[in-house]
Amino acid sequence: MTLPPSRGWNTPSRFRYDGETMRALFSATSSERLTRYMRLAGGDRRRALQQYAYNAALGSAFHGPLQTLEVTLRNSMHTAMTERFGAMWFELPALEQPQQNAVNDAKERLSWEKGPQDPGRLVAALSFGYWVALFAKRYEASLWRPSLHRCFSPRQDRRRLHDQLNRLRRLRNRIVHHEPILHWDLPSDHDLILWTLNLLSPETKAWVEHHSHVLGVLHQPAHRIRHF
Protein backbone atom coordinates (compact mmCIF):
# COMPACT_ATOMS: atom_id res chain seq x y z
CA MET A 1 0.00 0.00 0.00
CA THR A 2 1.33 3.42 -0.93
CA LEU A 3 0.80 6.06 1.72
CA PRO A 4 0.19 9.69 0.82
CA PRO A 5 3.07 12.03 1.63
CA SER A 6 2.99 13.26 5.21
CA ARG A 7 2.32 16.94 5.76
CA GLY A 8 4.00 16.62 9.18
CA TRP A 9 6.54 19.26 10.10
CA ASN A 10 6.17 21.05 6.76
CA THR A 11 2.54 22.02 7.41
CA PRO A 12 2.49 25.83 7.55
CA SER A 13 -1.20 26.43 8.29
CA ARG A 14 -3.48 25.72 11.22
CA PHE A 15 -5.93 22.86 11.15
CA ARG A 16 -9.46 23.82 10.08
CA TYR A 17 -12.02 22.96 12.75
CA ASP A 18 -15.33 23.18 10.92
CA GLY A 19 -18.49 21.71 12.39
CA GLU A 20 -18.41 18.43 10.49
CA THR A 21 -14.73 17.87 11.28
CA MET A 22 -15.27 18.49 14.99
CA ARG A 23 -18.21 16.07 15.08
CA ALA A 24 -16.06 13.41 13.41
CA LEU A 25 -13.15 13.99 15.81
CA PHE A 26 -15.42 13.79 18.86
CA SER A 27 -16.88 10.56 17.51
CA ALA A 28 -13.46 9.04 16.76
CA THR A 29 -11.87 10.11 20.04
CA SER A 30 -15.04 9.62 22.15
CA SER A 31 -16.85 12.35 24.02
CA GLU A 32 -16.01 10.63 27.31
CA ARG A 33 -12.27 10.97 26.73
CA LEU A 34 -12.70 14.62 25.78
CA THR A 35 -14.80 15.49 28.85
CA ARG A 36 -11.85 16.85 30.82
CA TYR A 37 -10.70 18.92 27.87
CA MET A 38 -14.20 20.31 27.46
CA ARG A 39 -14.07 21.47 31.07
CA LEU A 40 -10.69 23.09 30.48
CA ALA A 41 -12.07 24.79 27.39
CA GLY A 42 -15.23 26.04 29.08
CA GLY A 43 -17.39 23.90 26.79
CA ASP A 44 -15.80 25.17 23.56
CA ARG A 45 -15.39 22.13 21.28
CA ARG A 46 -12.68 23.69 19.13
CA ARG A 47 -10.61 24.69 22.13
CA ALA A 48 -11.13 21.26 23.69
CA LEU A 49 -9.65 19.58 20.60
CA GLN A 50 -6.75 22.03 20.62
CA GLN A 51 -6.12 21.21 24.29
CA TYR A 52 -6.18 17.51 23.43
CA ALA A 53 -3.58 18.05 20.70
CA TYR A 54 -1.51 20.16 23.10
CA ASN A 55 -1.61 17.38 25.69
CA ALA A 56 -0.48 14.88 23.05
CA ALA A 57 2.38 17.19 22.03
CA LEU A 58 3.52 17.48 25.64
CA GLY A 59 3.40 13.70 26.09
CA SER A 60 5.45 13.25 22.94
CA ALA A 61 8.01 15.81 24.10
CA PHE A 62 8.41 14.10 27.48
CA HIS A 63 8.83 10.65 25.96
CA GLY A 64 12.53 10.96 25.12
CA PRO A 65 13.68 12.45 28.46
CA LEU A 66 11.62 9.95 30.47
CA GLN A 67 12.80 7.04 28.35
CA THR A 68 16.42 8.05 28.82
CA LEU A 69 15.95 8.48 32.56
CA GLU A 70 14.39 5.03 32.88
CA VAL A 71 17.14 3.31 30.89
CA THR A 72 19.94 5.20 32.67
CA LEU A 73 18.45 4.50 36.09
CA ARG A 74 17.92 0.78 35.57
CA ASN A 75 21.37 0.28 34.06
CA SER A 76 23.02 2.13 36.95
CA MET A 77 21.03 0.11 39.47
CA HIS A 78 21.84 -3.16 37.71
CA THR A 79 25.55 -2.32 37.77
CA ALA A 80 25.49 -1.41 41.46
CA MET A 81 23.47 -4.47 42.44
CA THR A 82 25.66 -6.78 40.36
CA GLU A 83 28.81 -5.43 42.02
CA ARG A 84 27.34 -6.06 45.48
CA PHE A 85 25.23 -9.20 45.02
CA GLY A 86 26.22 -10.78 41.70
CA ALA A 87 24.60 -10.83 38.26
CA MET A 88 21.52 -12.74 39.47
CA TRP A 89 20.73 -10.20 42.21
CA PHE A 90 17.06 -10.12 41.14
CA GLU A 91 16.67 -13.55 42.76
CA LEU A 92 17.62 -12.22 46.20
CA PRO A 93 15.39 -13.47 49.04
CA ALA A 94 15.32 -9.86 50.28
CA LEU A 95 12.99 -8.90 47.42
CA GLU A 96 9.40 -8.87 48.56
CA GLN A 97 6.54 -10.64 46.85
CA PRO A 98 5.46 -7.86 44.44
CA GLN A 99 9.01 -7.55 43.10
CA GLN A 100 9.47 -11.33 42.98
CA ASN A 101 6.22 -11.57 41.02
CA ALA A 102 7.41 -8.91 38.58
CA VAL A 103 10.64 -10.83 37.98
CA ASN A 104 8.78 -14.10 37.51
CA ASP A 105 6.36 -12.48 35.05
CA ALA A 106 9.28 -11.04 33.09
CA LYS A 107 10.98 -14.44 33.01
CA GLU A 108 7.80 -16.00 31.68
CA ARG A 109 7.49 -13.39 28.93
CA LEU A 110 11.11 -13.99 27.97
CA SER A 111 10.79 -17.80 28.06
CA TRP A 112 13.65 -17.59 30.55
CA GLU A 113 14.06 -21.33 31.01
CA LYS A 114 14.25 -21.95 27.26
CA GLY A 115 16.20 -18.92 26.05
CA PRO A 116 19.56 -17.43 27.08
CA GLN A 117 19.50 -16.51 30.76
CA ASP A 118 21.20 -13.17 30.23
CA PRO A 119 20.53 -10.78 33.13
CA GLY A 120 20.53 -7.87 30.69
CA ARG A 121 17.43 -9.27 28.97
CA LEU A 122 15.58 -9.41 32.26
CA VAL A 123 16.68 -5.93 33.30
CA ALA A 124 15.20 -4.51 30.08
CA ALA A 125 11.92 -6.37 30.64
CA LEU A 126 11.23 -4.93 34.10
CA SER A 127 9.02 -1.86 34.38
CA PHE A 128 9.93 1.59 35.64
CA GLY A 129 7.64 0.90 38.60
CA TYR A 130 9.75 -2.10 39.54
CA TRP A 131 12.92 0.00 39.73
CA VAL A 132 11.29 2.83 41.64
CA ALA A 133 9.91 0.35 44.19
CA LEU A 134 13.45 -0.70 45.12
CA PHE A 135 13.96 2.73 46.69
CA ALA A 136 11.07 2.23 49.15
CA LYS A 137 11.68 2.31 52.90
CA ARG A 138 11.38 -1.48 53.20
CA TYR A 139 14.58 -1.85 51.16
CA GLU A 140 16.67 0.75 52.98
CA ALA A 141 18.69 -1.76 55.00
CA SER A 142 18.86 -4.56 52.42
CA LEU A 143 19.43 -2.66 49.16
CA TRP A 144 19.88 1.08 49.63
CA ARG A 145 22.64 1.16 52.22
CA PRO A 146 24.79 -1.66 50.85
CA SER A 147 24.30 -0.90 47.16
CA LEU A 148 21.82 1.49 45.57
CA HIS A 149 23.08 4.71 47.18
CA ARG A 150 26.19 4.27 45.02
CA CYS A 151 24.18 5.06 41.87
CA PHE A 152 23.96 8.74 42.79
CA SER A 153 26.67 11.34 43.15
CA PRO A 154 26.47 13.06 45.53
CA ARG A 155 24.65 10.59 47.77
CA GLN A 156 20.95 11.38 48.15
CA ASP A 157 18.30 11.07 50.82
CA ARG A 158 16.51 7.84 49.97
CA ARG A 159 13.06 9.02 51.03
CA ARG A 160 13.20 12.21 48.98
CA LEU A 161 14.58 10.34 45.98
CA HIS A 162 11.84 7.72 46.16
CA ASP A 163 9.13 10.39 46.27
CA GLN A 164 10.58 12.20 43.27
CA LEU A 165 11.03 9.06 41.18
CA ASN A 166 7.52 8.00 42.08
CA ARG A 167 6.18 11.29 40.76
CA LEU A 168 8.01 10.77 37.47
CA ARG A 169 6.67 7.22 37.32
CA ARG A 170 3.11 8.54 37.65
CA LEU A 171 3.78 11.14 34.93
CA ARG A 172 5.16 8.45 32.63
CA ASN A 173 2.13 6.23 33.24
CA ARG A 174 -0.30 9.06 32.53
CA ILE A 175 1.45 9.73 29.23
CA VAL A 176 1.53 6.05 28.25
CA HIS A 177 -2.18 5.68 29.04
CA HIS A 178 -3.09 8.87 27.15
CA GLU A 179 -4.31 10.71 30.25
CA PRO A 180 -4.28 14.52 30.61
CA ILE A 181 -1.10 16.02 32.05
CA LEU A 182 -1.95 19.68 31.48
CA HIS A 183 -2.65 20.24 35.17
CA TRP A 184 0.77 18.94 36.25
CA ASP A 185 3.70 21.20 37.11
CA LEU A 186 5.49 20.17 33.93
CA PRO A 187 8.40 22.65 34.03
CA SER A 188 9.28 21.29 37.48
CA ASP A 189 8.93 17.72 36.22
CA HIS A 190 11.30 18.45 33.35
CA ASP A 191 13.78 19.97 35.82
CA LEU A 192 13.40 16.89 38.02
CA ILE A 193 14.25 14.56 35.13
CA LEU A 194 17.39 16.57 34.39
CA TRP A 195 18.35 16.78 38.07
CA THR A 196 18.04 13.01 38.49
CA LEU A 197 19.99 12.32 35.31
CA ASN A 198 22.74 14.64 36.52
CA LEU A 199 23.11 12.53 39.67
CA LEU A 200 23.37 9.38 37.56
CA SER A 201 25.37 10.64 34.58
CA PRO A 202 26.13 14.34 33.99
CA GLU A 203 26.98 13.63 30.35
CA THR A 204 23.59 12.01 29.77
CA LYS A 205 21.88 14.93 31.48
CA ALA A 206 23.63 17.38 29.13
CA TRP A 207 22.68 15.26 26.11
CA VAL A 208 19.01 15.10 27.09
CA GLU A 209 18.89 18.80 27.94
CA HIS A 210 20.31 19.66 24.52
CA HIS A 211 17.79 17.55 22.61
CA SER A 212 14.69 17.99 24.75
CA HIS A 213 11.93 20.16 23.29
CA VAL A 214 9.65 20.05 26.35
CA LEU A 215 10.17 23.72 27.18
CA GLY A 216 9.60 24.72 23.57
CA VAL A 217 6.21 23.01 23.59
CA LEU A 218 5.32 24.47 26.99
CA HIS A 219 6.01 27.98 25.70
CA GLN A 220 3.55 27.56 22.81
CA PRO A 221 -0.15 28.32 23.27
CA ALA A 222 -2.43 25.35 22.61
CA HIS A 223 -3.96 26.83 19.47
CA ARG A 224 -0.51 27.13 17.85
CA ILE A 225 0.53 23.51 18.36
CA ARG A 226 0.90 21.85 14.95
CA HIS A 227 2.78 18.63 15.72
CA PHE A 228 2.49 15.79 18.19
C-alpha atoms as a PDB file:
ATOM      1  CA  MET A   1       0.000   0.000   0.000  1.00  0.00           C
ATOM      2  CA  THR A   2       1.328   3.418  -0.933  1.00  0.00           C
ATOM      3  CA  LEU A   3       0.798   6.059   1.724  1.00  0.00           C
ATOM      4  CA  PRO A   4       0.193   9.688   0.823  1.00  0.00           C
ATOM      5  CA  PRO A   5       3.066  12.028   1.626  1.00  0.00           C
ATOM      6  CA  SER A   6       2.985  13.256   5.205  1.00  0.00           C
ATOM      7  CA  ARG A   7       2.324  16.945   5.763  1.00  0.00           C
ATOM      8  CA  GLY A   8       4.003  16.620   9.180  1.00  0.00           C
ATOM      9  CA  TRP A   9       6.536  19.264  10.099  1.00  0.00           C
ATOM     10  CA  ASN A  10       6.166  21.050   6.764  1.00  0.00           C
ATOM     11  CA  THR A  11       2.542  22.017   7.413  1.00  0.00           C
ATOM     12  CA  PRO A  12       2.487  25.830   7.555  1.00  0.00           C
ATOM     13  CA  SER A  13      -1.199  26.426   8.292  1.00  0.00           C
ATOM     14  CA  ARG A  14      -3.476  25.715  11.223  1.00  0.00           C
ATOM     15  CA  PHE A  15      -5.932  22.858  11.147  1.00  0.00           C
ATOM     16  CA  ARG A  16      -9.456  23.823  10.081  1.00  0.00           C
ATOM     17  CA  TYR A  17     -12.021  22.959  12.750  1.00  0.00           C
ATOM     18  CA  ASP A  18     -15.327  23.175  10.918  1.00  0.00           C
ATOM     19  CA  GLY A  19     -18.495  21.713  12.390  1.00  0.00           C
ATOM     20  CA  GLU A  20     -18.414  18.434  10.492  1.00  0.00           C
ATOM     21  CA  THR A  21     -14.730  17.872  11.277  1.00  0.00           C
ATOM     22  CA  MET A  22     -15.265  18.490  14.985  1.00  0.00           C
ATOM     23  CA  ARG A  23     -18.212  16.068  15.082  1.00  0.00           C
ATOM     24  CA  ALA A  24     -16.060  13.412  13.405  1.00  0.00           C
ATOM     25  CA  LEU A  25     -13.154  13.988  15.806  1.00  0.00           C
ATOM     26  CA  PHE A  26     -15.415  13.791  18.856  1.00  0.00           C
ATOM     27  CA  SER A  27     -16.876  10.558  17.510  1.00  0.00           C
ATOM     28  CA  ALA A  28     -13.463   9.035  16.762  1.00  0.00           C
ATOM     29  CA  THR A  29     -11.866  10.113  20.039  1.00  0.00           C
ATOM     30  CA  SER A  30     -15.038   9.624  22.145  1.00  0.00           C
ATOM     31  CA  SER A  31     -16.846  12.350  24.017  1.00  0.00           C
ATOM     32  CA  GLU A  32     -16.014  10.627  27.311  1.00  0.00           C
ATOM     33  CA  ARG A  33     -12.267  10.974  26.727  1.00  0.00           C
ATOM     34  CA  LEU A  34     -12.705  14.620  25.783  1.00  0.00           C
ATOM     35  CA  THR A  35     -14.802  15.490  28.846  1.00  0.00           C
ATOM     36  CA  ARG A  36     -11.848  16.855  30.822  1.00  0.00           C
ATOM     37  CA  TYR A  37     -10.699  18.916  27.869  1.00  0.00           C
ATOM     38  CA  MET A  38     -14.199  20.312  27.460  1.00  0.00           C
ATOM     39  CA  ARG A  39     -14.072  21.471  31.070  1.00  0.00           C
ATOM     40  CA  LEU A  40     -10.692  23.092  30.482  1.00  0.00           C
ATOM     41  CA  ALA A  41     -12.070  24.794  27.394  1.00  0.00           C
ATOM     42  CA  GLY A  42     -15.225  26.035  29.077  1.00  0.00           C
ATOM     43  CA  GLY A  43     -17.394  23.904  26.788  1.00  0.00           C
ATOM     44  CA  ASP A  44     -15.804  25.174  23.557  1.00  0.00           C
ATOM     45  CA  ARG A  45     -15.392  22.129  21.281  1.00  0.00           C
ATOM     46  CA  ARG A  46     -12.683  23.695  19.127  1.00  0.00           C
ATOM     47  CA  ARG A  47     -10.607  24.686  22.131  1.00  0.00           C
ATOM     48  CA  ALA A  48     -11.125  21.258  23.686  1.00  0.00           C
ATOM     49  CA  LEU A  49      -9.649  19.582  20.604  1.00  0.00           C
ATOM     50  CA  GLN A  50      -6.752  22.033  20.623  1.00  0.00           C
ATOM     51  CA  GLN A  51      -6.119  21.209  24.292  1.00  0.00           C
ATOM     52  CA  TYR A  52      -6.184  17.512  23.428  1.00  0.00           C
ATOM     53  CA  ALA A  53      -3.575  18.051  20.703  1.00  0.00           C
ATOM     54  CA  TYR A  54      -1.513  20.164  23.098  1.00  0.00           C
ATOM     55  CA  ASN A  55      -1.614  17.381  25.689  1.00  0.00           C
ATOM     56  CA  ALA A  56      -0.476  14.885  23.053  1.00  0.00           C
ATOM     57  CA  ALA A  57       2.382  17.189  22.025  1.00  0.00           C
ATOM     58  CA  LEU A  58       3.523  17.478  25.638  1.00  0.00           C
ATOM     59  CA  GLY A  59       3.399  13.702  26.087  1.00  0.00           C
ATOM     60  CA  SER A  60       5.448  13.247  22.945  1.00  0.00           C
ATOM     61  CA  ALA A  61       8.010  15.815  24.102  1.00  0.00           C
ATOM     62  CA  PHE A  62       8.414  14.102  27.478  1.00  0.00           C
ATOM     63  CA  HIS A  63       8.825  10.651  25.956  1.00  0.00           C
ATOM     64  CA  GLY A  64      12.534  10.961  25.120  1.00  0.00           C
ATOM     65  CA  PRO A  65      13.679  12.448  28.458  1.00  0.00           C
ATOM     66  CA  LEU A  66      11.617   9.954  30.470  1.00  0.00           C
ATOM     67  CA  GLN A  67      12.799   7.038  28.355  1.00  0.00           C
ATOM     68  CA  THR A  68      16.424   8.051  28.816  1.00  0.00           C
ATOM     69  CA  LEU A  69      15.947   8.483  32.560  1.00  0.00           C
ATOM     70  CA  GLU A  70      14.390   5.029  32.881  1.00  0.00           C
ATOM     71  CA  VAL A  71      17.144   3.314  30.887  1.00  0.00           C
ATOM     72  CA  THR A  72      19.943   5.201  32.669  1.00  0.00           C
ATOM     73  CA  LEU A  73      18.448   4.502  36.094  1.00  0.00           C
ATOM     74  CA  ARG A  74      17.920   0.782  35.575  1.00  0.00           C
ATOM     75  CA  ASN A  75      21.374   0.282  34.062  1.00  0.00           C
ATOM     76  CA  SER A  76      23.024   2.128  36.945  1.00  0.00           C
ATOM     77  CA  MET A  77      21.032   0.108  39.465  1.00  0.00           C
ATOM     78  CA  HIS A  78      21.842  -3.163  37.711  1.00  0.00           C
ATOM     79  CA  THR A  79      25.546  -2.321  37.768  1.00  0.00           C
ATOM     80  CA  ALA A  80      25.495  -1.410  41.461  1.00  0.00           C
ATOM     81  CA  MET A  81      23.467  -4.466  42.440  1.00  0.00           C
ATOM     82  CA  THR A  82      25.665  -6.784  40.361  1.00  0.00           C
ATOM     83  CA  GLU A  83      28.809  -5.433  42.018  1.00  0.00           C
ATOM     84  CA  ARG A  84      27.344  -6.059  45.480  1.00  0.00           C
ATOM     85  CA  PHE A  85      25.227  -9.200  45.024  1.00  0.00           C
ATOM     86  CA  GLY A  86      26.220 -10.775  41.700  1.00  0.00           C
ATOM     87  CA  ALA A  87      24.601 -10.827  38.259  1.00  0.00           C
ATOM     88  CA  MET A  88      21.520 -12.736  39.470  1.00  0.00           C
ATOM     89  CA  TRP A  89      20.725 -10.203  42.207  1.00  0.00           C
ATOM     90  CA  PHE A  90      17.063 -10.121  41.137  1.00  0.00           C
ATOM     91  CA  GLU A  91      16.671 -13.547  42.755  1.00  0.00           C
ATOM     92  CA  LEU A  92      17.625 -12.218  46.196  1.00  0.00           C
ATOM     93  CA  PRO A  93      15.389 -13.473  49.040  1.00  0.00           C
ATOM     94  CA  ALA A  94      15.321  -9.862  50.279  1.00  0.00           C
ATOM     95  CA  LEU A  95      12.994  -8.905  47.423  1.00  0.00           C
ATOM     96  CA  GLU A  96       9.395  -8.868  48.563  1.00  0.00           C
ATOM     97  CA  GLN A  97       6.544 -10.638  46.854  1.00  0.00           C
ATOM     98  CA  PRO A  98       5.455  -7.859  44.436  1.00  0.00           C
ATOM     99  CA  GLN A  99       9.009  -7.547  43.098  1.00  0.00           C
ATOM    100  CA  GLN A 100       9.466 -11.331  42.976  1.00  0.00           C
ATOM    101  CA  ASN A 101       6.221 -11.572  41.020  1.00  0.00           C
ATOM    102  CA  ALA A 102       7.412  -8.907  38.578  1.00  0.00           C
ATOM    103  CA  VAL A 103      10.636 -10.826  37.985  1.00  0.00           C
ATOM    104  CA  ASN A 104       8.778 -14.105  37.506  1.00  0.00           C
ATOM    105  CA  ASP A 105       6.362 -12.476  35.052  1.00  0.00           C
ATOM    106  CA  ALA A 106       9.282 -11.036  33.088  1.00  0.00           C
ATOM    107  CA  LYS A 107      10.979 -14.437  33.006  1.00  0.00           C
ATOM    108  CA  GLU A 108       7.797 -15.999  31.680  1.00  0.00           C
ATOM    109  CA  ARG A 109       7.493 -13.389  28.931  1.00  0.00           C
ATOM    110  CA  LEU A 110      11.114 -13.993  27.970  1.00  0.00           C
ATOM    111  CA  SER A 111      10.785 -17.802  28.062  1.00  0.00           C
ATOM    112  CA  TRP A 112      13.648 -17.590  30.555  1.00  0.00           C
ATOM    113  CA  GLU A 113      14.057 -21.334  31.012  1.00  0.00           C
ATOM    114  CA  LYS A 114      14.253 -21.950  27.256  1.00  0.00           C
ATOM    115  CA  GLY A 115      16.205 -18.921  26.052  1.00  0.00           C
ATOM    116  CA  PRO A 116      19.562 -17.429  27.080  1.00  0.00           C
ATOM    117  CA  GLN A 117      19.503 -16.507  30.761  1.00  0.00           C
ATOM    118  CA  ASP A 118      21.201 -13.174  30.227  1.00  0.00           C
ATOM    119  CA  PRO A 119      20.529 -10.779  33.131  1.00  0.00           C
ATOM    120  CA  GLY A 120      20.525  -7.872  30.693  1.00  0.00           C
ATOM    121  CA  ARG A 121      17.432  -9.274  28.975  1.00  0.00           C
ATOM    122  CA  LEU A 122      15.584  -9.408  32.259  1.00  0.00           C
ATOM    123  CA  VAL A 123      16.680  -5.932  33.295  1.00  0.00           C
ATOM    124  CA  ALA A 124      15.199  -4.505  30.081  1.00  0.00           C
ATOM    125  CA  ALA A 125      11.921  -6.375  30.644  1.00  0.00           C
ATOM    126  CA  LEU A 126      11.226  -4.932  34.099  1.00  0.00           C
ATOM    127  CA  SER A 127       9.016  -1.858  34.383  1.00  0.00           C
ATOM    128  CA  PHE A 128       9.929   1.587  35.640  1.00  0.00           C
ATOM    129  CA  GLY A 129       7.637   0.900  38.596  1.00  0.00           C
ATOM    130  CA  TYR A 130       9.754  -2.096  39.540  1.00  0.00           C
ATOM    131  CA  TRP A 131      12.924  -0.004  39.728  1.00  0.00           C
ATOM    132  CA  VAL A 132      11.288   2.831  41.635  1.00  0.00           C
ATOM    133  CA  ALA A 133       9.913   0.354  44.190  1.00  0.00           C
ATOM    134  CA  LEU A 134      13.454  -0.701  45.116  1.00  0.00           C
ATOM    135  CA  PHE A 135      13.962   2.734  46.693  1.00  0.00           C
ATOM    136  CA  ALA A 136      11.074   2.234  49.145  1.00  0.00           C
ATOM    137  CA  LYS A 137      11.677   2.311  52.898  1.00  0.00           C
ATOM    138  CA  ARG A 138      11.377  -1.482  53.196  1.00  0.00           C
ATOM    139  CA  TYR A 139      14.584  -1.846  51.156  1.00  0.00           C
ATOM    140  CA  GLU A 140      16.670   0.751  52.979  1.00  0.00           C
ATOM    141  CA  ALA A 141      18.690  -1.764  54.999  1.00  0.00           C
ATOM    142  CA  SER A 142      18.856  -4.557  52.423  1.00  0.00           C
ATOM    143  CA  LEU A 143      19.429  -2.661  49.157  1.00  0.00           C
ATOM    144  CA  TRP A 144      19.878   1.083  49.626  1.00  0.00           C
ATOM    145  CA  ARG A 145      22.638   1.161  52.218  1.00  0.00           C
ATOM    146  CA  PRO A 146      24.786  -1.663  50.853  1.00  0.00           C
ATOM    147  CA  SER A 147      24.304  -0.897  47.159  1.00  0.00           C
ATOM    148  CA  LEU A 148      21.824   1.494  45.572  1.00  0.00           C
ATOM    149  CA  HIS A 149      23.077   4.712  47.181  1.00  0.00           C
ATOM    150  CA  ARG A 150      26.189   4.266  45.020  1.00  0.00           C
ATOM    151  CA  CYS A 151      24.178   5.065  41.871  1.00  0.00           C
ATOM    152  CA  PHE A 152      23.962   8.742  42.787  1.00  0.00           C
ATOM    153  CA  SER A 153      26.672  11.336  43.151  1.00  0.00           C
ATOM    154  CA  PRO A 154      26.467  13.062  45.528  1.00  0.00           C
ATOM    155  CA  ARG A 155      24.649  10.585  47.766  1.00  0.00           C
ATOM    156  CA  GLN A 156      20.949  11.378  48.153  1.00  0.00           C
ATOM    157  CA  ASP A 157      18.300  11.067  50.821  1.00  0.00           C
ATOM    158  CA  ARG A 158      16.509   7.839  49.968  1.00  0.00           C
ATOM    159  CA  ARG A 159      13.057   9.017  51.029  1.00  0.00           C
ATOM    160  CA  ARG A 160      13.201  12.209  48.978  1.00  0.00           C
ATOM    161  CA  LEU A 161      14.581  10.342  45.977  1.00  0.00           C
ATOM    162  CA  HIS A 162      11.838   7.722  46.159  1.00  0.00           C
ATOM    163  CA  ASP A 163       9.126  10.391  46.275  1.00  0.00           C
ATOM    164  CA  GLN A 164      10.583  12.205  43.267  1.00  0.00           C
ATOM    165  CA  LEU A 165      11.029   9.061  41.183  1.00  0.00           C
ATOM    166  CA  ASN A 166       7.520   7.997  42.080  1.00  0.00           C
ATOM    167  CA  ARG A 167       6.178  11.292  40.759  1.00  0.00           C
ATOM    168  CA  LEU A 168       8.007  10.774  37.468  1.00  0.00           C
ATOM    169  CA  ARG A 169       6.673   7.217  37.321  1.00  0.00           C
ATOM    170  CA  ARG A 170       3.114   8.543  37.649  1.00  0.00           C
ATOM    171  CA  LEU A 171       3.775  11.140  34.933  1.00  0.00           C
ATOM    172  CA  ARG A 172       5.158   8.445  32.634  1.00  0.00           C
ATOM    173  CA  ASN A 173       2.133   6.227  33.238  1.00  0.00           C
ATOM    174  CA  ARG A 174      -0.303   9.064  32.526  1.00  0.00           C
ATOM    175  CA  ILE A 175       1.453   9.734  29.232  1.00  0.00           C
ATOM    176  CA  VAL A 176       1.528   6.049  28.249  1.00  0.00           C
ATOM    177  CA  HIS A 177      -2.180   5.677  29.038  1.00  0.00           C
ATOM    178  CA  HIS A 178      -3.088   8.874  27.151  1.00  0.00           C
ATOM    179  CA  GLU A 179      -4.310  10.711  30.253  1.00  0.00           C
ATOM    180  CA  PRO A 180      -4.278  14.521  30.614  1.00  0.00           C
ATOM    181  CA  ILE A 181      -1.102  16.022  32.053  1.00  0.00           C
ATOM    182  CA  LEU A 182      -1.948  19.683  31.476  1.00  0.00           C
ATOM    183  CA  HIS A 183      -2.653  20.243  35.168  1.00  0.00           C
ATOM    184  CA  TRP A 184       0.772  18.939  36.253  1.00  0.00           C
ATOM    185  CA  ASP A 185       3.699  21.202  37.113  1.00  0.00           C
ATOM    186  CA  LEU A 186       5.490  20.170  33.932  1.00  0.00           C
ATOM    187  CA  PRO A 187       8.403  22.654  34.028  1.00  0.00           C
ATOM    188  CA  SER A 188       9.283  21.286  37.477  1.00  0.00           C
ATOM    189  CA  ASP A 189       8.927  17.717  36.222  1.00  0.00           C
ATOM    190  CA  HIS A 190      11.298  18.454  33.355  1.00  0.00           C
ATOM    191  CA  ASP A 191      13.778  19.967  35.815  1.00  0.00           C
ATOM    192  CA  LEU A 192      13.398  16.887  38.018  1.00  0.00           C
ATOM    193  CA  ILE A 193      14.252  14.563  35.128  1.00  0.00           C
ATOM    194  CA  LEU A 194      17.395  16.569  34.390  1.00  0.00           C
ATOM    195  CA  TRP A 195      18.348  16.781  38.070  1.00  0.00           C
ATOM    196  CA  THR A 196      18.036  13.010  38.489  1.00  0.00           C
ATOM    197  CA  LEU A 197      19.987  12.324  35.315  1.00  0.00           C
ATOM    198  CA  ASN A 198      22.742  14.639  36.522  1.00  0.00           C
ATOM    199  CA  LEU A 199      23.107  12.528  39.666  1.00  0.00           C
ATOM    200  CA  LEU A 200      23.367   9.379  37.564  1.00  0.00           C
ATOM    201  CA  SER A 201      25.368  10.638  34.578  1.00  0.00           C
ATOM    202  CA  PRO A 202      26.134  14.343  33.994  1.00  0.00           C
ATOM    203  CA  GLU A 203      26.982  13.632  30.345  1.00  0.00           C
ATOM    204  CA  THR A 204      23.590  12.012  29.773  1.00  0.00           C
ATOM    205  CA  LYS A 205      21.879  14.931  31.483  1.00  0.00           C
ATOM    206  CA  ALA A 206      23.626  17.383  29.135  1.00  0.00           C
ATOM    207  CA  TRP A 207      22.677  15.262  26.108  1.00  0.00           C
ATOM    208  CA  VAL A 208      19.007  15.099  27.089  1.00  0.00           C
ATOM    209  CA  GLU A 209      18.887  18.799  27.941  1.00  0.00           C
ATOM    210  CA  HIS A 210      20.311  19.664  24.521  1.00  0.00           C
ATOM    211  CA  HIS A 211      17.794  17.553  22.605  1.00  0.00           C
ATOM    212  CA  SER A 212      14.686  17.991  24.746  1.00  0.00           C
ATOM    213  CA  HIS A 213      11.927  20.163  23.290  1.00  0.00           C
ATOM    214  CA  VAL A 214       9.652  20.052  26.347  1.00  0.00           C
ATOM    215  CA  LEU A 215      10.170  23.718  27.179  1.00  0.00           C
ATOM    216  CA  GLY A 216       9.598  24.720  23.572  1.00  0.00           C
ATOM    217  CA  VAL A 217       6.206  23.008  23.592  1.00  0.00           C
ATOM    218  CA  LEU A 218       5.323  24.468  26.991  1.00  0.00           C
ATOM    219  CA  HIS A 219       6.007  27.984  25.699  1.00  0.00           C
ATOM    220  CA  GLN A 220       3.553  27.559  22.810  1.00  0.00           C
ATOM    221  CA  PRO A 221      -0.150  28.318  23.271  1.00  0.00           C
ATOM    222  CA  ALA A 222      -2.430  25.352  22.613  1.00  0.00           C
ATOM    223  CA  HIS A 223      -3.956  26.827  19.467  1.00  0.00           C
ATOM    224  CA  ARG A 224      -0.510  27.131  17.852  1.00  0.00           C
ATOM    225  CA  ILE A 225       0.531  23.510  18.362  1.00  0.00           C
ATOM    226  CA  ARG A 226       0.903  21.848  14.954  1.00  0.00           C
ATOM    227  CA  HIS A 227       2.779  18.627  15.724  1.00  0.00           C
ATOM    228  CA  PHE A 228       2.494  15.789  18.191  1.00  0.00           C
END
